[in-house]
Amino acid sequence: MTRAKNFAGRVAALTVLYTLLLLDIIPTPLINDKAKKEILPTLPWWALISTGSYLLSQLGWGLYHFSDTPKAYEELMVDIKEAKDFLRGRGVDVDS
């Protein structure tokens, strides 16, 4: 849960900063007003598209290397069998 709280805190801070910049509460002396009015409204879309591209590349990379993990598959199957045996010993029906 710590990663989720850390992520949420960063997103909240960036959202506040973006809102302050968009509403001209924080001045931007190095950027002229025309460029600021053209760039700032598109930043959320840029962030969304960049995040989606990154996640799709990670998904593709994982699928590409999926066949390289038979040992992890075997370990997972052993863990599942142990968990089912443990639950059966406690009287839980896990086969249905």
N, C-alpha and C. Protein backbone atom coordinates (compact mmCIF):
# COMPACT_ATOMS: atom_id res chain seq x y z
N MET A 1 0.82 -1.19 0.00
CA MET A 1 0.00 0.00 0.00
C MET A 1 0.87 1.26 0.00
N THR A 2 2.12 1.14 0.37
CA THR A 2 3.00 2.30 0.41
C THR A 2 3.23 2.84 -0.99
N ARG A 3 3.40 1.97 -1.97
CA ARG A 3 3.58 2.44 -3.35
C ARG A 3 2.35 3.16 -3.85
N ALA A 4 1.19 2.66 -3.50
CA ALA A 4 -0.04 3.31 -3.93
C ALA A 4 -0.17 4.70 -3.30
N LYS A 5 0.16 4.81 -2.02
CA LYS A 5 0.09 6.12 -1.36
C LYS A 5 1.12 7.07 -1.95
N ASN A 6 2.31 6.56 -2.24
CA ASN A 6 3.36 7.37 -2.85
C ASN A 6 2.92 7.87 -4.23
N PHE A 7 2.36 6.98 -5.02
CA PHE A 7 1.88 7.34 -6.34
C PHE A 7 0.75 8.36 -6.25
N ALA A 8 -0.19 8.13 -5.35
CA ALA A 8 -1.32 9.05 -5.19
C ALA A 8 -0.83 10.43 -4.74
N GLY A 9 0.14 10.47 -3.86
CA GLY A 9 0.69 11.75 -3.42
C GLY A 9 1.36 12.51 -4.55
N ARG A 10 2.10 11.80 -5.36
CA ARG A 10 2.76 12.45 -6.51
C ARG A 10 1.75 12.95 -7.53
N VAL A 11 0.74 12.14 -7.81
CA VAL A 11 -0.29 12.56 -8.76
C VAL A 11 -1.04 13.77 -8.23
N ALA A 12 -1.35 13.78 -6.95
CA ALA A 12 -2.04 14.93 -6.36
C ALA A 12 -1.17 16.18 -6.44
N ALA A 13 0.11 16.05 -6.15
CA ALA A 13 1.00 17.21 -6.23
C ALA A 13 1.11 17.74 -7.66
N LEU A 14 1.23 16.83 -8.62
CA LEU A 14 1.30 17.26 -10.02
C LEU A 14 -0.01 17.89 -10.48
N THR A 15 -1.13 17.37 -10.00
CA THR A 15 -2.43 17.94 -10.35
C THR A 15 -2.58 19.35 -9.80
N VAL A 16 -2.16 19.55 -8.57
CA VAL A 16 -2.22 20.89 -7.97
C VAL A 16 -1.31 21.85 -8.73
N LEU A 17 -0.10 21.41 -9.03
CA LEU A 17 0.84 22.25 -9.78
C LEU A 17 0.28 22.59 -11.15
N TYR A 18 -0.27 21.61 -11.84
CA TYR A 18 -0.85 21.85 -13.16
C TYR A 18 -2.00 22.84 -13.08
N THR A 19 -2.87 22.69 -12.09
CA THR A 19 -4.00 23.60 -11.94
C THR A 19 -3.53 25.01 -11.65
N LEU A 20 -2.52 25.16 -10.79
CA LEU A 20 -1.99 26.49 -10.49
C LEU A 20 -1.36 27.14 -11.72
N LEU A 21 -0.68 26.35 -12.53
CA LEU A 21 -0.11 26.89 -13.77
C LEU A 21 -1.20 27.25 -14.77
N LEU A 22 -2.21 26.42 -14.88
CA LEU A 22 -3.28 26.65 -15.84
C LEU A 22 -4.10 27.89 -15.49
N LEU A 23 -4.29 28.15 -14.21
CA LEU A 23 -5.07 29.30 -13.76
C LEU A 23 -4.23 30.56 -13.59
N ASP A 24 -2.98 30.54 -14.01
CA ASP A 24 -2.05 31.68 -13.91
C ASP A 24 -1.81 32.15 -12.48
N ILE A 25 -1.90 31.25 -11.53
CA ILE A 25 -1.59 31.60 -10.16
C ILE A 25 -0.08 31.59 -9.94
N ILE A 26 0.59 30.64 -10.58
CA ILE A 26 2.05 30.59 -10.57
C ILE A 26 2.54 31.20 -11.88
N PRO A 27 3.34 32.25 -11.81
CA PRO A 27 3.82 32.87 -13.05
C PRO A 27 4.90 32.03 -13.72
N THR A 28 4.93 32.11 -15.03
CA THR A 28 5.97 31.42 -15.81
C THR A 28 6.68 32.48 -16.65
N PRO A 29 7.73 33.08 -16.12
CA PRO A 29 8.38 34.19 -16.83
C PRO A 29 9.14 33.77 -18.08
N LEU A 30 9.55 32.52 -18.19
CA LEU A 30 10.34 32.09 -19.35
C LEU A 30 9.49 31.66 -20.53
N ILE A 31 8.19 31.53 -20.33
CA ILE A 31 7.28 31.09 -21.40
C ILE A 31 6.28 32.21 -21.66
N ASN A 32 6.14 32.59 -22.94
CA ASN A 32 5.18 33.64 -23.24
C ASN A 32 3.74 33.11 -23.14
N ASP A 33 2.78 34.02 -23.03
CA ASP A 33 1.39 33.63 -22.79
C ASP A 33 0.79 32.80 -23.92
N LYS A 34 1.15 33.11 -25.16
CA LYS A 34 0.58 32.36 -26.29
C LYS A 34 1.02 30.90 -26.24
N ALA A 35 2.30 30.68 -26.02
CA ALA A 35 2.82 29.31 -25.94
C ALA A 35 2.22 28.59 -24.74
N LYS A 36 2.09 29.30 -23.63
CA LYS A 36 1.52 28.69 -22.42
C LYS A 36 0.08 28.26 -22.65
N LYS A 37 -0.70 29.09 -23.34
CA LYS A 37 -2.10 28.75 -23.60
C LYS A 37 -2.25 27.62 -24.62
N GLU A 38 -1.23 27.38 -25.42
CA GLU A 38 -1.27 26.28 -26.38
C GLU A 38 -0.75 24.98 -25.79
N ILE A 39 0.23 25.07 -24.90
CA ILE A 39 0.87 23.87 -24.37
C ILE A 39 0.15 23.29 -23.16
N LEU A 40 -0.20 24.12 -22.19
CA LEU A 40 -0.75 23.62 -20.93
C LEU A 40 -2.03 22.78 -21.09
N PRO A 41 -2.98 23.16 -21.93
CA PRO A 41 -4.18 22.31 -22.04
C PRO A 41 -3.92 20.92 -22.62
N THR A 42 -2.82 20.76 -23.34
CA THR A 42 -2.54 19.45 -23.96
C THR A 42 -1.70 18.53 -23.07
N LEU A 43 -1.17 19.03 -21.97
CA LEU A 43 -0.31 18.21 -21.11
C LEU A 43 -1.01 16.97 -20.54
N PRO A 44 -2.27 17.04 -20.09
CA PRO A 44 -2.90 15.80 -19.60
C PRO A 44 -3.03 14.73 -20.68
N TRP A 45 -3.33 15.14 -21.90
CA TRP A 45 -3.42 14.15 -22.99
C TRP A 45 -2.06 13.55 -23.29
N TRP A 46 -1.02 14.40 -23.26
CA TRP A 46 0.33 13.90 -23.49
C TRP A 46 0.72 12.89 -22.42
N ALA A 47 0.39 13.18 -21.17
CA ALA A 47 0.70 12.26 -20.08
C ALA A 47 -0.07 10.95 -20.23
N LEU A 48 -1.34 11.04 -20.62
CA LEU A 48 -2.15 9.84 -20.80
C LEU A 48 -1.60 8.97 -21.94
N ILE A 49 -1.28 9.57 -23.04
CA ILE A 49 -0.76 8.82 -24.19
C ILE A 49 0.62 8.24 -23.88
N SER A 50 1.46 8.99 -23.19
CA SER A 50 2.79 8.48 -22.82
C SER A 50 2.68 7.31 -21.87
N THR A 51 1.79 7.41 -20.89
CA THR A 51 1.59 6.32 -19.94
C THR A 51 1.06 5.08 -20.65
N GLY A 52 0.09 5.27 -21.53
CA GLY A 52 -0.45 4.14 -22.29
C GLY A 52 0.60 3.48 -23.17
N SER A 53 1.43 4.28 -23.81
CA SER A 53 2.50 3.72 -24.65
C SER A 53 3.49 2.92 -23.82
N TYR A 54 3.84 3.46 -22.66
CA TYR A 54 4.77 2.75 -21.78
C TYR A 54 4.17 1.42 -21.32
N LEU A 55 2.91 1.44 -20.90
CA LEU A 55 2.27 0.21 -20.42
C LEU A 55 2.12 -0.82 -21.53
N LEU A 56 1.79 -0.38 -22.74
CA LEU A 56 1.70 -1.32 -23.86
C LEU A 56 3.06 -1.92 -24.20
N SER A 57 4.11 -1.11 -24.11
CA SER A 57 5.44 -1.67 -24.38
C SER A 57 5.83 -2.69 -23.31
N GLN A 58 5.49 -2.42 -22.05
CA GLN A 58 5.77 -3.38 -20.98
C GLN A 58 4.97 -4.67 -21.18
N LEU A 59 3.73 -4.55 -21.61
CA LEU A 59 2.91 -5.72 -21.88
C LEU A 59 3.50 -6.55 -23.02
N GLY A 60 3.90 -5.87 -24.09
CA GLY A 60 4.51 -6.57 -25.22
C GLY A 60 5.81 -7.25 -24.83
N TRP A 61 6.62 -6.57 -24.03
CA TRP A 61 7.89 -7.16 -23.58
C TRP A 61 7.62 -8.39 -22.72
N GLY A 62 6.62 -8.32 -21.86
CA GLY A 62 6.27 -9.47 -21.03
C GLY A 62 5.77 -10.64 -21.85
N LEU A 63 4.97 -10.36 -22.88
CA LEU A 63 4.49 -11.43 -23.75
C LEU A 63 5.62 -12.03 -24.57
N TYR A 64 6.56 -11.20 -24.97
CA TYR A 64 7.70 -11.68 -25.75
C TYR A 64 8.56 -12.64 -24.94
N HIS A 65 8.71 -12.37 -23.66
CA HIS A 65 9.55 -13.20 -22.80
C HIS A 65 8.76 -14.20 -21.96
N PHE A 66 7.50 -14.39 -22.28
CA PHE A 66 6.65 -15.27 -21.48
C PHE A 66 7.12 -16.72 -21.53
N SER A 67 7.59 -17.17 -22.67
CA SER A 67 8.02 -18.56 -22.79
C SER A 67 9.35 -18.83 -22.10
N ASP A 68 10.01 -17.81 -21.63
CA ASP A 68 11.30 -17.97 -20.96
C ASP A 68 11.16 -18.24 -19.46
N THR A 69 9.94 -18.47 -18.99
CA THR A 69 9.75 -18.61 -17.54
C THR A 69 9.09 -19.94 -17.15
N PRO A 70 9.54 -21.07 -17.64
CA PRO A 70 8.91 -22.33 -17.22
C PRO A 70 9.19 -22.65 -15.75
N LYS A 71 10.32 -22.21 -15.24
CA LYS A 71 10.63 -22.45 -13.84
C LYS A 71 9.66 -21.70 -12.93
N ALA A 72 9.34 -20.47 -13.27
CA ALA A 72 8.38 -19.70 -12.48
C ALA A 72 6.99 -20.34 -12.55
N TYR A 73 6.64 -20.89 -13.71
CA TYR A 73 5.35 -21.57 -13.85
C TYR A 73 5.29 -22.79 -12.93
N GLU A 74 6.35 -23.56 -12.92
CA GLU A 74 6.39 -24.75 -12.05
C GLU A 74 6.32 -24.36 -10.57
N GLU A 75 7.03 -23.31 -10.19
CA GLU A 75 6.98 -22.85 -8.80
C GLU A 75 5.59 -22.39 -8.43
N LEU A 76 4.93 -21.70 -9.35
CA LEU A 76 3.57 -21.24 -9.10
C LEU A 76 2.61 -22.41 -8.94
N MET A 77 2.76 -23.42 -9.77
CA MET A 77 1.87 -24.59 -9.67
C MET A 77 2.09 -25.33 -8.34
N VAL A 78 3.34 -25.41 -7.88
CA VAL A 78 3.62 -26.03 -6.58
C VAL A 78 2.99 -25.21 -5.46
N ASP A 79 3.10 -23.90 -5.54
CA ASP A 79 2.49 -23.04 -4.52
C ASP A 79 0.97 -23.19 -4.50
N ILE A 80 0.36 -23.29 -5.67
CA ILE A 80 -1.09 -23.47 -5.74
C ILE A 80 -1.49 -24.80 -5.13
N LYS A 81 -0.74 -25.85 -5.43
CA LYS A 81 -1.05 -27.16 -4.86
C LYS A 81 -0.91 -27.14 -3.34
N GLU A 82 0.14 -26.51 -2.82
CA GLU A 82 0.33 -26.41 -1.37
C GLU A 82 -0.81 -25.63 -0.72
N ALA A 83 -1.24 -24.55 -1.36
CA ALA A 83 -2.33 -23.75 -0.81
C ALA A 83 -3.63 -24.54 -0.79
N LYS A 84 -3.90 -25.29 -1.87
CA LYS A 84 -5.12 -26.11 -1.90
C LYS A 84 -5.08 -27.19 -0.82
N ASP A 85 -3.92 -27.84 -0.67
CA ASP A 85 -3.79 -28.86 0.37
C ASP A 85 -3.99 -28.27 1.76
N PHE A 86 -3.43 -27.09 1.99
CA PHE A 86 -3.59 -26.42 3.28
C PHE A 86 -5.06 -26.11 3.55
N LEU A 87 -5.75 -25.58 2.52
CA LEU A 87 -7.16 -25.23 2.71
C LEU A 87 -8.03 -26.47 2.88
N ARG A 88 -7.70 -27.54 2.15
CA ARG A 88 -8.45 -28.79 2.33
C ARG A 88 -8.28 -29.31 3.76
N GLY A 89 -7.09 -29.20 4.30
CA GLY A 89 -6.83 -29.61 5.68
C GLY A 89 -7.63 -28.80 6.69
N ARG A 90 -8.00 -27.59 6.33
CA ARG A 90 -8.80 -26.74 7.21
C ARG A 90 -10.30 -26.89 6.96
N GLY A 91 -10.68 -27.76 5.99
CA GLY A 91 -12.09 -28.02 5.73
C GLY A 91 -12.74 -27.10 4.70
N VAL A 92 -11.92 -26.43 3.87
CA VAL A 92 -12.45 -25.54 2.84
C VAL A 92 -12.55 -26.30 1.54
N ASP A 93 -13.69 -26.17 0.83
CA ASP A 93 -13.89 -26.83 -0.46
C ASP A 93 -13.28 -25.95 -1.55
N VAL A 94 -12.18 -26.38 -2.16
CA VAL A 94 -11.49 -25.58 -3.18
C VAL A 94 -11.62 -26.18 -4.58
N ASP A 95 -12.30 -27.31 -4.73
CA ASP A 95 -12.38 -27.95 -6.04
C ASP A 95 -13.56 -27.50 -6.87
N SER A 96 -14.50 -26.79 -6.31
CA SER A 96 -15.68 -26.40 -7.09
C SER A 96 -15.57 -25.03 -7.65
